[in-house]
Protein backbone atom coordinates (compact mmCIF):
# COMPACT_ATOMS: atom_id res chain seq x y z
CA MET A 1 0.00 0.00 0.00
CA SER A 2 3.02 2.23 -0.37
CA GLY A 3 2.07 5.68 -1.66
CA LYS A 4 -1.66 5.04 -1.34
CA THR A 5 -4.00 6.71 1.13
CA LEU A 6 -7.58 6.31 2.23
CA PRO A 7 -10.19 8.43 0.42
CA GLY A 8 -10.23 11.97 1.78
CA ILE A 9 -6.79 11.63 3.39
CA SER A 10 -3.86 13.42 1.80
CA ALA A 11 -0.51 11.76 1.35
CA PRO A 12 2.00 12.45 4.11
CA SER A 13 4.51 15.21 3.51
CA GLU A 14 8.20 14.48 3.22
CA THR A 15 8.67 15.75 6.77
CA PRO A 16 6.98 13.31 9.13
CA SER A 17 4.65 14.66 11.78
CA VAL A 18 5.31 13.96 15.42
CA ILE A 19 2.58 13.77 18.03
CA CYS A 20 3.68 13.97 21.63
CA HIS A 21 1.27 13.22 24.47
CA VAL A 22 2.29 14.43 27.91
CA ASP A 23 0.30 12.86 30.73
CA MET A 24 0.70 15.02 33.80
CA ASP A 25 -0.26 12.41 36.36
CA CYS A 26 -2.18 13.64 39.40
CA PHE A 27 -2.07 17.18 38.01
CA TYR A 28 -5.08 18.57 39.87
CA ALA A 29 -3.99 16.94 43.14
CA SER A 30 -0.56 18.54 42.70
CA CYS A 31 -2.21 21.94 42.14
CA GLU A 32 -4.18 21.51 45.37
CA ARG A 33 -0.97 20.68 47.22
CA LEU A 34 0.68 23.83 45.88
CA GLN A 35 -2.14 25.86 47.45
CA GLU A 36 -2.35 23.75 50.62
CA PRO A 37 1.09 22.29 51.53
CA SER A 38 -0.39 20.44 54.53
CA LEU A 39 -1.83 17.97 51.99
CA LYS A 40 1.66 16.64 51.21
CA ASN A 41 1.83 12.84 51.65
CA LYS A 42 -1.92 12.67 52.35
CA PRO A 43 -4.62 11.16 50.13
CA VAL A 44 -6.04 13.87 47.86
CA ILE A 45 -9.17 13.45 45.75
CA VAL A 46 -10.25 16.17 43.34
CA GLY A 47 -13.80 15.78 42.12
CA MET A 48 -15.86 17.17 39.28
CA GLY A 49 -19.60 17.76 39.25
CA TYR A 50 -19.86 17.09 42.99
CA GLU A 51 -22.01 18.89 45.51
CA ARG A 52 -21.82 18.01 49.19
CA GLY A 53 -24.67 15.76 50.29
CA THR A 54 -25.33 14.35 46.82
CA SER A 55 -24.11 11.20 45.11
CA ASP A 56 -23.42 13.05 41.86
CA GLY A 57 -19.93 13.69 40.59
CA ALA A 58 -16.81 11.78 39.75
CA VAL A 59 -13.15 11.70 40.69
CA ALA A 60 -11.15 13.97 38.36
CA THR A 61 -7.89 12.73 39.86
CA ALA A 62 -6.58 10.94 42.90
CA SER A 63 -3.12 11.23 44.41
CA TYR A 64 -1.01 8.09 44.73
CA GLU A 65 -1.84 8.00 48.43
CA ALA A 66 -5.56 7.96 47.58
CA ARG A 67 -5.01 5.33 44.88
CA ASN A 68 -3.62 3.04 47.57
CA PHE A 69 -7.19 2.94 48.95
CA GLY A 70 -8.58 1.85 45.55
CA ILE A 71 -9.67 5.29 44.38
CA GLU A 72 -9.41 5.88 40.62
CA SER A 73 -10.10 8.65 38.12
CA ALA A 74 -13.68 8.71 36.77
CA GLN A 75 -14.91 6.72 39.78
CA PRO A 76 -18.16 7.97 41.34
CA ILE A 77 -17.41 10.36 44.22
CA SER A 78 -19.82 8.47 46.47
CA GLN A 79 -17.76 5.30 45.99
CA ALA A 80 -14.46 7.14 46.56
CA LEU A 81 -15.76 8.61 49.82
CA GLN A 82 -16.73 5.11 51.00
CA LEU A 83 -13.25 3.79 50.21
CA LEU A 84 -11.63 6.66 52.09
CA PRO A 85 -13.91 7.22 55.09
CA SER A 86 -11.58 9.79 56.65
CA ALA A 87 -11.97 12.02 53.59
CA ASP A 88 -12.68 15.65 54.34
CA GLU A 89 -15.42 16.88 52.02
CA THR A 90 -13.91 20.34 51.97
CA ASP A 91 -15.42 22.60 49.37
CA SER A 92 -12.71 23.85 47.09
CA VAL A 93 -12.13 27.57 47.00
CA HIS A 94 -11.23 27.12 43.35
CA GLY A 95 -14.79 26.59 42.08
CA ASP A 96 -13.90 25.83 38.48
CA VAL A 97 -11.16 24.57 36.22
CA GLY A 98 -10.07 28.16 35.51
CA TYR A 99 -8.12 27.98 38.78
CA TYR A 100 -5.80 25.40 37.23
CA ARG A 101 -5.31 27.17 33.89
CA PRO A 102 -2.41 29.53 34.89
CA VAL A 103 -0.49 26.66 36.46
CA ARG A 104 -1.09 24.40 33.50
CA LEU A 105 -0.08 26.93 30.86
CA ASN A 106 3.23 27.73 32.54
CA VAL A 107 4.08 24.04 32.77
CA TYR A 108 2.92 23.30 29.22
CA GLU A 109 4.94 26.19 27.78
CA SER A 110 8.06 24.98 29.58
CA ILE A 111 7.60 21.39 28.43
CA ALA A 112 6.72 22.46 24.87
CA ALA A 113 9.97 24.41 24.56
CA GLU A 114 12.01 21.42 25.77
CA VAL A 115 10.20 19.00 23.46
CA LYS A 116 10.72 21.29 20.46
CA ASP A 117 14.45 21.42 21.21
CA ILE A 118 14.64 17.63 21.47
CA LEU A 119 12.70 17.09 18.24
CA HIS A 120 14.78 19.69 16.41
CA ASP A 121 17.92 17.69 17.27
CA CYS A 122 16.46 14.42 15.89
């Protein structure tokens, strides 16, 4: 099938494309620890779509300490709270994902520059 492509797909250019996926494990938990250093070495669960007293919502991320209790990303919050009964249902002061954006962009820009340098040398 050399030189052939699927209908609607153009032939690749002479310069191959590179796709790089960076998985920033436990990112939201790390952001919470930056704001609240007392969370260091403690289980941290960051939820999405959760309101105290309801069973709605899911785990956006769980720190490694929380994962040791069987808590996983995308797990229902109600299940995570059962697995970690000492969990403090503290309402985040960060309200929405916009809180994480400045942290994320700084990190992404730094990593992007390093990756571009590495790829340029290849």
